[in-house]
Amino acid sequence: MNELIEQHYEAIVKRGLIKPGTTDREFSKAAISELIEWTEDYETQEAIDLVAVVLNSLHHKGIDIESEFKKNINHQIERVK
């Protein structure tokens, strides 16, 4: 999972859409834009674009997404018990 996220992040950096100084607010605006596009047509690609923006935001901040996702899964499993 982390490898795919890294590949996607680097591709977006090469496109010039993410720079070292890209802020949380900029990522949030991009996510909102993708959310609006998704809610207009509910296309799979729009949903993936939305998820990708969020993943890129977390990756940009140096967060180990796979580890955090595993923690979330365990938390959800514990909530059902």
N, C-alpha and C. Protein backbone atom coordinates (compact mmCIF):
# COMPACT_ATOMS: atom_id res chain seq x y z
N MET A 1 0.83 -1.20 0.00
CA MET A 1 0.00 0.00 0.00
C MET A 1 0.87 1.26 0.00
N ASN A 2 1.87 1.29 0.90
CA ASN A 2 2.73 2.47 0.96
C ASN A 2 3.47 2.72 -0.35
N GLU A 3 3.85 1.62 -1.03
CA GLU A 3 4.56 1.77 -2.31
C GLU A 3 3.66 2.42 -3.37
N LEU A 4 2.41 2.01 -3.42
CA LEU A 4 1.47 2.61 -4.38
C LEU A 4 1.25 4.09 -4.07
N ILE A 5 1.11 4.39 -2.79
CA ILE A 5 0.90 5.79 -2.39
C ILE A 5 2.11 6.62 -2.76
N GLU A 6 3.30 6.09 -2.55
CA GLU A 6 4.53 6.81 -2.90
C GLU A 6 4.60 7.06 -4.41
N GLN A 7 4.26 6.05 -5.20
CA GLN A 7 4.29 6.20 -6.66
C GLN A 7 3.32 7.28 -7.12
N HIS A 8 2.12 7.26 -6.55
CA HIS A 8 1.12 8.26 -6.93
C HIS A 8 1.58 9.65 -6.51
N TYR A 9 2.06 9.77 -5.29
CA TYR A 9 2.53 11.05 -4.76
C TYR A 9 3.63 11.63 -5.67
N GLU A 10 4.60 10.80 -6.01
CA GLU A 10 5.71 11.27 -6.85
C GLU A 10 5.22 11.71 -8.23
N ALA A 11 4.24 11.01 -8.79
CA ALA A 11 3.69 11.40 -10.09
C ALA A 11 3.03 12.78 -9.99
N ILE A 12 2.31 13.03 -8.90
CA ILE A 12 1.64 14.32 -8.73
C ILE A 12 2.66 15.42 -8.48
N VAL A 13 3.73 15.10 -7.75
CA VAL A 13 4.81 16.08 -7.55
C VAL A 13 5.43 16.45 -8.90
N LYS A 14 5.68 15.45 -9.73
CA LYS A 14 6.28 15.70 -11.05
C LYS A 14 5.37 16.55 -11.92
N ARG A 15 4.07 16.43 -11.73
CA ARG A 15 3.12 17.27 -12.47
C ARG A 15 3.10 18.70 -11.93
N GLY A 16 3.74 18.92 -10.81
CA GLY A 16 3.80 20.26 -10.22
C GLY A 16 2.60 20.61 -9.36
N LEU A 17 1.78 19.62 -9.03
CA LEU A 17 0.59 19.90 -8.25
C LEU A 17 0.85 19.86 -6.74
N ILE A 18 1.95 19.22 -6.35
CA ILE A 18 2.38 19.22 -4.95
C ILE A 18 3.81 19.72 -4.91
N LYS A 19 4.03 20.68 -4.03
CA LYS A 19 5.37 21.25 -3.84
C LYS A 19 5.72 21.10 -2.35
N PRO A 20 6.99 21.28 -2.00
CA PRO A 20 7.35 21.15 -0.58
C PRO A 20 6.50 22.03 0.35
N GLY A 21 6.08 23.18 -0.12
CA GLY A 21 5.31 24.09 0.72
C GLY A 21 3.80 23.95 0.62
N THR A 22 3.32 22.91 -0.05
CA THR A 22 1.88 22.73 -0.17
C THR A 22 1.27 22.58 1.23
N THR A 23 0.23 23.37 1.48
CA THR A 23 -0.35 23.44 2.83
C THR A 23 -1.54 22.50 3.00
N ASP A 24 -1.90 22.29 4.26
CA ASP A 24 -3.11 21.51 4.56
C ASP A 24 -4.33 22.13 3.90
N ARG A 25 -4.39 23.45 3.91
CA ARG A 25 -5.53 24.14 3.30
C ARG A 25 -5.60 23.86 1.80
N GLU A 26 -4.47 23.83 1.13
CA GLU A 26 -4.46 23.53 -0.30
C GLU A 26 -4.93 22.09 -0.57
N PHE A 27 -4.46 21.17 0.27
CA PHE A 27 -4.94 19.79 0.12
C PHE A 27 -6.44 19.72 0.39
N SER A 28 -6.90 20.45 1.39
CA SER A 28 -8.34 20.45 1.73
C SER A 28 -9.17 20.99 0.57
N LYS A 29 -8.70 22.08 -0.04
CA LYS A 29 -9.42 22.65 -1.18
C LYS A 29 -9.48 21.65 -2.34
N ALA A 30 -8.36 20.95 -2.57
CA ALA A 30 -8.33 19.95 -3.64
C ALA A 30 -9.30 18.81 -3.33
N ALA A 31 -9.35 18.39 -2.06
CA ALA A 31 -10.26 17.32 -1.66
C ALA A 31 -11.72 17.75 -1.83
N ILE A 32 -12.02 18.97 -1.45
CA ILE A 32 -13.39 19.47 -1.62
C ILE A 32 -13.77 19.51 -3.09
N SER A 33 -12.85 19.95 -3.92
CA SER A 33 -13.09 20.00 -5.36
C SER A 33 -13.39 18.60 -5.90
N GLU A 34 -12.59 17.62 -5.47
CA GLU A 34 -12.81 16.24 -5.92
C GLU A 34 -14.12 15.69 -5.36
N LEU A 35 -14.46 16.05 -4.14
CA LEU A 35 -15.72 15.61 -3.55
C LEU A 35 -16.91 16.14 -4.35
N ILE A 36 -16.83 17.40 -4.73
CA ILE A 36 -17.90 18.00 -5.53
C ILE A 36 -18.02 17.28 -6.87
N GLU A 37 -16.88 17.01 -7.52
CA GLU A 37 -16.92 16.29 -8.80
C GLU A 37 -17.53 14.91 -8.62
N TRP A 38 -17.18 14.24 -7.54
CA TRP A 38 -17.71 12.89 -7.30
C TRP A 38 -19.22 12.92 -7.06
N THR A 39 -19.68 13.89 -6.28
CA THR A 39 -21.11 13.94 -5.96
C THR A 39 -21.95 14.36 -7.16
N GLU A 40 -21.32 14.91 -8.19
CA GLU A 40 -22.06 15.28 -9.39
C GLU A 40 -22.36 14.08 -10.27
N ASP A 41 -21.47 13.06 -10.26
CA ASP A 41 -21.70 11.93 -11.16
C ASP A 41 -21.43 10.56 -10.55
N TYR A 42 -20.89 10.51 -9.36
CA TYR A 42 -20.60 9.26 -8.65
C TYR A 42 -19.80 8.27 -9.50
N GLU A 43 -18.90 8.79 -10.29
CA GLU A 43 -18.01 7.94 -11.09
C GLU A 43 -16.89 7.40 -10.19
N THR A 44 -16.50 6.17 -10.44
CA THR A 44 -15.44 5.53 -9.65
C THR A 44 -14.16 6.37 -9.67
N GLN A 45 -13.79 6.88 -10.84
CA GLN A 45 -12.53 7.63 -10.94
C GLN A 45 -12.55 8.88 -10.06
N GLU A 46 -13.71 9.52 -9.96
CA GLU A 46 -13.80 10.71 -9.11
C GLU A 46 -13.62 10.33 -7.64
N ALA A 47 -14.16 9.19 -7.24
CA ALA A 47 -13.98 8.72 -5.86
C ALA A 47 -12.51 8.41 -5.60
N ILE A 48 -11.86 7.79 -6.58
CA ILE A 48 -10.43 7.47 -6.44
C ILE A 48 -9.61 8.76 -6.36
N ASP A 49 -9.97 9.76 -7.17
CA ASP A 49 -9.27 11.06 -7.10
C ASP A 49 -9.39 11.67 -5.72
N LEU A 50 -10.56 11.58 -5.13
CA LEU A 50 -10.78 12.11 -3.78
C LEU A 50 -9.90 11.39 -2.76
N VAL A 51 -9.92 10.07 -2.82
CA VAL A 51 -9.10 9.28 -1.90
C VAL A 51 -7.62 9.60 -2.11
N ALA A 52 -7.21 9.75 -3.35
CA ALA A 52 -5.81 10.03 -3.66
C ALA A 52 -5.36 11.37 -3.07
N VAL A 53 -6.22 12.37 -3.12
CA VAL A 53 -5.86 13.67 -2.54
C VAL A 53 -5.63 13.52 -1.04
N VAL A 54 -6.51 12.80 -0.38
CA VAL A 54 -6.37 12.61 1.07
C VAL A 54 -5.10 11.81 1.38
N LEU A 55 -4.86 10.75 0.63
CA LEU A 55 -3.65 9.95 0.85
C LEU A 55 -2.40 10.78 0.59
N ASN A 56 -2.40 11.58 -0.47
CA ASN A 56 -1.25 12.43 -0.76
C ASN A 56 -1.01 13.45 0.35
N SER A 57 -2.08 13.97 0.92
CA SER A 57 -1.97 14.92 2.01
C SER A 57 -1.28 14.28 3.22
N LEU A 58 -1.72 13.09 3.57
CA LEU A 58 -1.12 12.39 4.70
C LEU A 58 0.33 12.02 4.42
N HIS A 59 0.59 11.54 3.21
CA HIS A 59 1.96 11.17 2.82
C HIS A 59 2.88 12.40 2.87
N HIS A 60 2.36 13.51 2.41
CA HIS A 60 3.12 14.77 2.39
C HIS A 60 3.57 15.15 3.81
N LYS A 61 2.75 14.80 4.80
CA LYS A 61 3.06 15.11 6.19
C LYS A 61 3.92 14.03 6.85
N GLY A 62 4.31 13.03 6.08
CA GLY A 62 5.19 11.99 6.59
C GLY A 62 4.49 10.92 7.41
N ILE A 63 3.20 10.82 7.26
CA ILE A 63 2.43 9.83 8.02
C ILE A 63 2.52 8.46 7.34
N ASP A 64 2.76 7.43 8.13
CA ASP A 64 2.78 6.06 7.62
C ASP A 64 1.32 5.61 7.50
N ILE A 65 0.78 5.75 6.31
CA ILE A 65 -0.65 5.53 6.09
C ILE A 65 -1.03 4.07 6.34
N GLU A 66 -0.22 3.15 5.88
CA GLU A 66 -0.54 1.74 6.06
C GLU A 66 -0.64 1.40 7.55
N SER A 67 0.30 1.87 8.32
CA SER A 67 0.29 1.63 9.77
C SER A 67 -0.94 2.26 10.43
N GLU A 68 -1.24 3.49 10.05
CA GLU A 68 -2.40 4.17 10.62
C GLU A 68 -3.71 3.50 10.21
N PHE A 69 -3.75 3.00 8.98
CA PHE A 69 -4.95 2.31 8.52
C PHE A 69 -5.16 1.02 9.30
N LYS A 70 -4.06 0.30 9.55
CA LYS A 70 -4.15 -0.93 10.35
C LYS A 70 -4.67 -0.61 11.75
N LYS A 71 -4.20 0.49 12.33
CA LYS A 71 -4.69 0.91 13.65
C LYS A 71 -6.18 1.17 13.59
N ASN A 72 -6.63 1.81 12.52
CA ASN A 72 -8.05 2.11 12.37
C ASN A 72 -8.87 0.84 12.22
N ILE A 73 -8.35 -0.11 11.47
CA ILE A 73 -9.05 -1.39 11.31
C ILE A 73 -9.20 -2.07 12.66
N ASN A 74 -8.12 -2.12 13.42
CA ASN A 74 -8.18 -2.73 14.75
C ASN A 74 -9.16 -2.01 15.65
N HIS A 75 -9.18 -0.69 15.57
CA HIS A 75 -10.12 0.11 16.36
C HIS A 75 -11.56 -0.25 15.99
N GLN A 76 -11.83 -0.38 14.70
CA GLN A 76 -13.18 -0.71 14.25
C GLN A 76 -13.58 -2.12 14.70
N ILE A 77 -12.63 -3.04 14.65
CA ILE A 77 -12.91 -4.41 15.10
C ILE A 77 -13.22 -4.41 16.59
N GLU A 78 -12.47 -3.65 17.36
CA GLU A 78 -12.70 -3.58 18.81
C GLU A 78 -14.08 -2.97 19.12
N ARG A 79 -14.53 -2.06 18.31
CA ARG A 79 -15.82 -1.40 18.54
C ARG A 79 -16.99 -2.37 18.38
N VAL A 80 -16.79 -3.46 17.64
CA VAL A 80 -17.88 -4.40 17.42
C VAL A 80 -17.99 -5.40 18.57
N LYS A 81 -16.96 -5.51 19.33
CA LYS A 81 -16.96 -6.50 20.43
C LYS A 81 -17.83 -6.04 21.58
